Amino acid sequence: MPNSRRGERFDPSVALGRAIRARRHEVGLSQEALAAAADLDRTYVGGLERGERNPTLRVLWQLAAALDVAPSRLIAKAEEALATE
């Protein structure tokens, strides 16, 4: 049975966005600083964190490098969140 949240299937994009936001907070970066370090627009980073946008693999790698974490760790954090919802 799919994971649900308030009767709807929980969105992996939201889970990944939350993982990105959590790591950004851990390393003490603003959205603007993360965007600059990853060579992305700040509004795009905000959209990713809210689950409104989906990153390409290239963008995921850029974000991970800027956050000093393996891309697989961001995905694992999203998977963990989905498993508990």
N, C-alpha and C. Protein backbone atom coordinates (compact mmCIF):
# COMPACT_ATOMS: atom_id res chain seq x y z
N MET A 1 0.84 -1.18 0.00
CA MET A 1 0.00 0.00 0.00
C MET A 1 0.89 1.24 0.00
N PRO A 2 0.60 2.23 -0.84
CA PRO A 2 1.43 3.43 -0.90
C PRO A 2 1.37 4.21 0.40
N ASN A 3 2.46 4.91 0.70
CA ASN A 3 2.48 5.80 1.85
C ASN A 3 1.48 6.91 1.63
N SER A 4 0.87 7.39 2.72
CA SER A 4 -0.10 8.46 2.54
C SER A 4 0.13 9.56 3.56
N ARG A 5 -0.40 10.69 3.23
CA ARG A 5 -0.36 11.85 4.10
C ARG A 5 -1.67 12.58 3.89
N ARG A 6 -2.47 12.65 4.94
CA ARG A 6 -3.81 13.25 4.85
C ARG A 6 -4.62 12.65 3.70
N GLY A 7 -4.52 11.34 3.55
CA GLY A 7 -5.32 10.66 2.55
C GLY A 7 -4.75 10.68 1.15
N GLU A 8 -3.64 11.37 0.94
CA GLU A 8 -3.03 11.42 -0.39
C GLU A 8 -1.65 10.80 -0.33
N ARG A 9 -1.19 10.30 -1.45
CA ARG A 9 0.14 9.71 -1.54
C ARG A 9 1.19 10.78 -1.26
N PHE A 10 2.15 10.48 -0.39
CA PHE A 10 3.20 11.44 -0.07
C PHE A 10 4.13 11.58 -1.26
N ASP A 11 4.54 12.79 -1.55
CA ASP A 11 5.30 13.12 -2.75
C ASP A 11 6.81 13.02 -2.51
N PRO A 12 7.51 12.20 -3.28
CA PRO A 12 8.96 12.10 -3.14
C PRO A 12 9.67 13.42 -3.38
N SER A 13 9.11 14.29 -4.21
CA SER A 13 9.72 15.60 -4.45
C SER A 13 9.73 16.43 -3.18
N VAL A 14 8.67 16.32 -2.40
CA VAL A 14 8.60 17.03 -1.12
C VAL A 14 9.63 16.44 -0.16
N ALA A 15 9.74 15.13 -0.13
CA ALA A 15 10.71 14.47 0.77
C ALA A 15 12.14 14.87 0.41
N LEU A 16 12.45 14.90 -0.87
CA LEU A 16 13.80 15.30 -1.29
C LEU A 16 14.04 16.77 -0.96
N GLY A 17 13.04 17.59 -1.18
CA GLY A 17 13.17 19.01 -0.84
C GLY A 17 13.43 19.23 0.63
N ARG A 18 12.76 18.46 1.46
CA ARG A 18 12.97 18.56 2.90
C ARG A 18 14.38 18.09 3.28
N ALA A 19 14.87 17.07 2.60
CA ALA A 19 16.23 16.60 2.86
C ALA A 19 17.27 17.67 2.48
N ILE A 20 17.03 18.33 1.36
CA ILE A 20 17.93 19.40 0.93
C ILE A 20 17.89 20.55 1.93
N ARG A 21 16.69 20.94 2.34
CA ARG A 21 16.55 22.04 3.31
C ARG A 21 17.21 21.69 4.64
N ALA A 22 17.01 20.46 5.11
CA ALA A 22 17.60 20.05 6.38
C ALA A 22 19.13 20.11 6.32
N ARG A 23 19.69 19.62 5.23
CA ARG A 23 21.15 19.65 5.09
C ARG A 23 21.65 21.09 4.98
N ARG A 24 20.91 21.91 4.25
CA ARG A 24 21.29 23.32 4.12
C ARG A 24 21.34 23.98 5.50
N HIS A 25 20.35 23.69 6.33
CA HIS A 25 20.35 24.23 7.69
C HIS A 25 21.52 23.68 8.51
N GLU A 26 21.82 22.38 8.35
CA GLU A 26 22.94 21.76 9.08
C GLU A 26 24.26 22.47 8.79
N VAL A 27 24.45 22.84 7.54
CA VAL A 27 25.73 23.47 7.17
C VAL A 27 25.67 24.99 7.28
N GLY A 28 24.51 25.52 7.66
CA GLY A 28 24.40 26.95 7.93
C GLY A 28 24.37 27.84 6.71
N LEU A 29 23.77 27.37 5.63
CA LEU A 29 23.68 28.17 4.42
C LEU A 29 22.27 28.73 4.24
N SER A 30 22.19 29.93 3.69
CA SER A 30 20.90 30.46 3.26
C SER A 30 20.58 29.87 1.89
N GLN A 31 19.34 30.02 1.46
CA GLN A 31 19.00 29.57 0.10
C GLN A 31 19.85 30.30 -0.92
N GLU A 32 20.07 31.57 -0.69
CA GLU A 32 20.86 32.37 -1.63
C GLU A 32 22.31 31.86 -1.70
N ALA A 33 22.89 31.55 -0.54
CA ALA A 33 24.27 31.05 -0.51
C ALA A 33 24.36 29.67 -1.16
N LEU A 34 23.38 28.81 -0.91
CA LEU A 34 23.38 27.50 -1.55
C LEU A 34 23.25 27.64 -3.06
N ALA A 35 22.33 28.49 -3.48
CA ALA A 35 22.13 28.70 -4.91
C ALA A 35 23.42 29.18 -5.57
N ALA A 36 24.10 30.12 -4.95
CA ALA A 36 25.35 30.64 -5.51
C ALA A 36 26.41 29.55 -5.57
N ALA A 37 26.53 28.77 -4.50
CA ALA A 37 27.54 27.70 -4.47
C ALA A 37 27.25 26.60 -5.49
N ALA A 38 25.98 26.37 -5.77
CA ALA A 38 25.59 25.32 -6.72
C ALA A 38 25.37 25.87 -8.13
N ASP A 39 25.58 27.17 -8.31
CA ASP A 39 25.37 27.84 -9.60
C ASP A 39 23.92 27.68 -10.08
N LEU A 40 22.98 27.96 -9.16
CA LEU A 40 21.56 27.88 -9.45
C LEU A 40 20.90 29.18 -9.03
N ASP A 41 19.69 29.41 -9.50
CA ASP A 41 18.92 30.56 -9.07
C ASP A 41 18.30 30.29 -7.71
N ARG A 42 18.25 31.31 -6.85
CA ARG A 42 17.68 31.14 -5.51
C ARG A 42 16.23 30.69 -5.56
N THR A 43 15.45 31.21 -6.50
CA THR A 43 14.05 30.81 -6.58
C THR A 43 13.90 29.35 -6.99
N TYR A 44 14.86 28.85 -7.77
CA TYR A 44 14.85 27.43 -8.14
C TYR A 44 15.12 26.57 -6.91
N VAL A 45 16.09 26.97 -6.09
CA VAL A 45 16.39 26.23 -4.85
C VAL A 45 15.16 26.22 -3.95
N GLY A 46 14.49 27.36 -3.83
CA GLY A 46 13.27 27.42 -3.02
C GLY A 46 12.20 26.47 -3.54
N GLY A 47 12.04 26.42 -4.85
CA GLY A 47 11.08 25.50 -5.46
C GLY A 47 11.43 24.05 -5.22
N LEU A 48 12.72 23.74 -5.25
CA LEU A 48 13.16 22.38 -4.94
C LEU A 48 12.83 22.02 -3.50
N GLU A 49 13.14 22.93 -2.59
CA GLU A 49 12.91 22.66 -1.18
C GLU A 49 11.42 22.49 -0.85
N ARG A 50 10.56 23.15 -1.59
CA ARG A 50 9.11 23.02 -1.37
C ARG A 50 8.53 21.83 -2.12
N GLY A 51 9.33 21.15 -2.92
CA GLY A 51 8.83 20.01 -3.69
C GLY A 51 8.08 20.42 -4.93
N GLU A 52 8.21 21.66 -5.34
CA GLU A 52 7.52 22.16 -6.52
C GLU A 52 8.33 21.92 -7.80
N ARG A 53 9.61 21.66 -7.64
CA ARG A 53 10.50 21.42 -8.78
C ARG A 53 11.21 20.08 -8.56
N ASN A 54 11.62 19.46 -9.66
CA ASN A 54 12.37 18.21 -9.60
C ASN A 54 13.75 18.44 -10.19
N PRO A 55 14.80 18.13 -9.44
CA PRO A 55 16.14 18.36 -9.97
C PRO A 55 16.55 17.29 -10.97
N THR A 56 17.34 17.70 -11.94
CA THR A 56 17.97 16.72 -12.82
C THR A 56 19.11 16.09 -12.02
N LEU A 57 19.70 15.04 -12.56
CA LEU A 57 20.85 14.43 -11.89
C LEU A 57 21.99 15.43 -11.75
N ARG A 58 22.21 16.20 -12.79
CA ARG A 58 23.28 17.21 -12.75
C ARG A 58 23.05 18.20 -11.61
N VAL A 59 21.82 18.67 -11.47
CA VAL A 59 21.50 19.62 -10.40
C VAL A 59 21.64 18.96 -9.04
N LEU A 60 21.21 17.71 -8.92
CA LEU A 60 21.36 17.00 -7.65
C LEU A 60 22.83 16.92 -7.25
N TRP A 61 23.70 16.64 -8.21
CA TRP A 61 25.14 16.58 -7.94
C TRP A 61 25.69 17.96 -7.56
N GLN A 62 25.22 19.01 -8.22
CA GLN A 62 25.66 20.36 -7.89
C GLN A 62 25.26 20.73 -6.47
N LEU A 63 24.01 20.43 -6.12
CA LEU A 63 23.53 20.71 -4.78
C LEU A 63 24.32 19.92 -3.74
N ALA A 64 24.52 18.65 -4.01
CA ALA A 64 25.25 17.80 -3.06
C ALA A 64 26.67 18.32 -2.85
N ALA A 65 27.32 18.71 -3.90
CA ALA A 65 28.68 19.25 -3.77
C ALA A 65 28.67 20.52 -2.93
N ALA A 66 27.70 21.39 -3.16
CA ALA A 66 27.60 22.63 -2.40
C ALA A 66 27.26 22.38 -0.94
N LEU A 67 26.56 21.27 -0.69
CA LEU A 67 26.16 20.91 0.68
C LEU A 67 27.16 19.96 1.34
N ASP A 68 28.22 19.62 0.62
CA ASP A 68 29.26 18.73 1.13
C ASP A 68 28.68 17.40 1.63
N VAL A 69 27.89 16.79 0.76
CA VAL A 69 27.25 15.52 1.08
C VAL A 69 27.14 14.72 -0.21
N ALA A 70 27.11 13.42 -0.11
CA ALA A 70 26.92 12.57 -1.29
C ALA A 70 25.48 12.70 -1.79
N PRO A 71 25.27 12.74 -3.10
CA PRO A 71 23.90 12.78 -3.63
C PRO A 71 23.06 11.62 -3.09
N SER A 72 23.68 10.47 -2.95
CA SER A 72 22.96 9.30 -2.45
C SER A 72 22.44 9.50 -1.03
N ARG A 73 23.14 10.32 -0.25
CA ARG A 73 22.70 10.59 1.13
C ARG A 73 21.44 11.44 1.13
N LEU A 74 21.35 12.39 0.22
CA LEU A 74 20.13 13.20 0.12
C LEU A 74 18.94 12.31 -0.26
N ILE A 75 19.17 11.41 -1.21
CA ILE A 75 18.10 10.51 -1.64
C ILE A 75 17.73 9.55 -0.50
N ALA A 76 18.73 9.05 0.23
CA ALA A 76 18.46 8.15 1.35
C ALA A 76 17.62 8.85 2.42
N LYS A 77 17.91 10.12 2.69
CA LYS A 77 17.12 10.88 3.66
C LYS A 77 15.67 11.01 3.19
N ALA A 78 15.49 11.23 1.89
CA ALA A 78 14.13 11.32 1.34
C ALA A 78 13.43 9.97 1.46
N GLU A 79 14.15 8.89 1.19
CA GLU A 79 13.56 7.55 1.33
C GLU A 79 13.16 7.27 2.76
N GLU A 80 14.00 7.65 3.70
CA GLU A 80 13.68 7.46 5.12
C GLU A 80 12.41 8.20 5.51
N ALA A 81 12.28 9.43 5.02
CA ALA A 81 11.09 10.22 5.32
C ALA A 81 9.84 9.58 4.71
N LEU A 82 9.95 9.07 3.50
CA LEU A 82 8.82 8.42 2.85
C LEU A 82 8.40 7.15 3.59
N ALA A 83 9.38 6.44 4.13
CA ALA A 83 9.10 5.18 4.83
C ALA A 83 8.37 5.41 6.14
N THR A 84 8.53 6.61 6.72
CA THR A 84 7.88 6.89 8.00
C THR A 84 6.55 7.60 7.85
N GLU A 85 6.24 8.03 6.66
CA GLU A 85 4.95 8.73 6.44
C GLU A 85 3.83 7.75 6.30
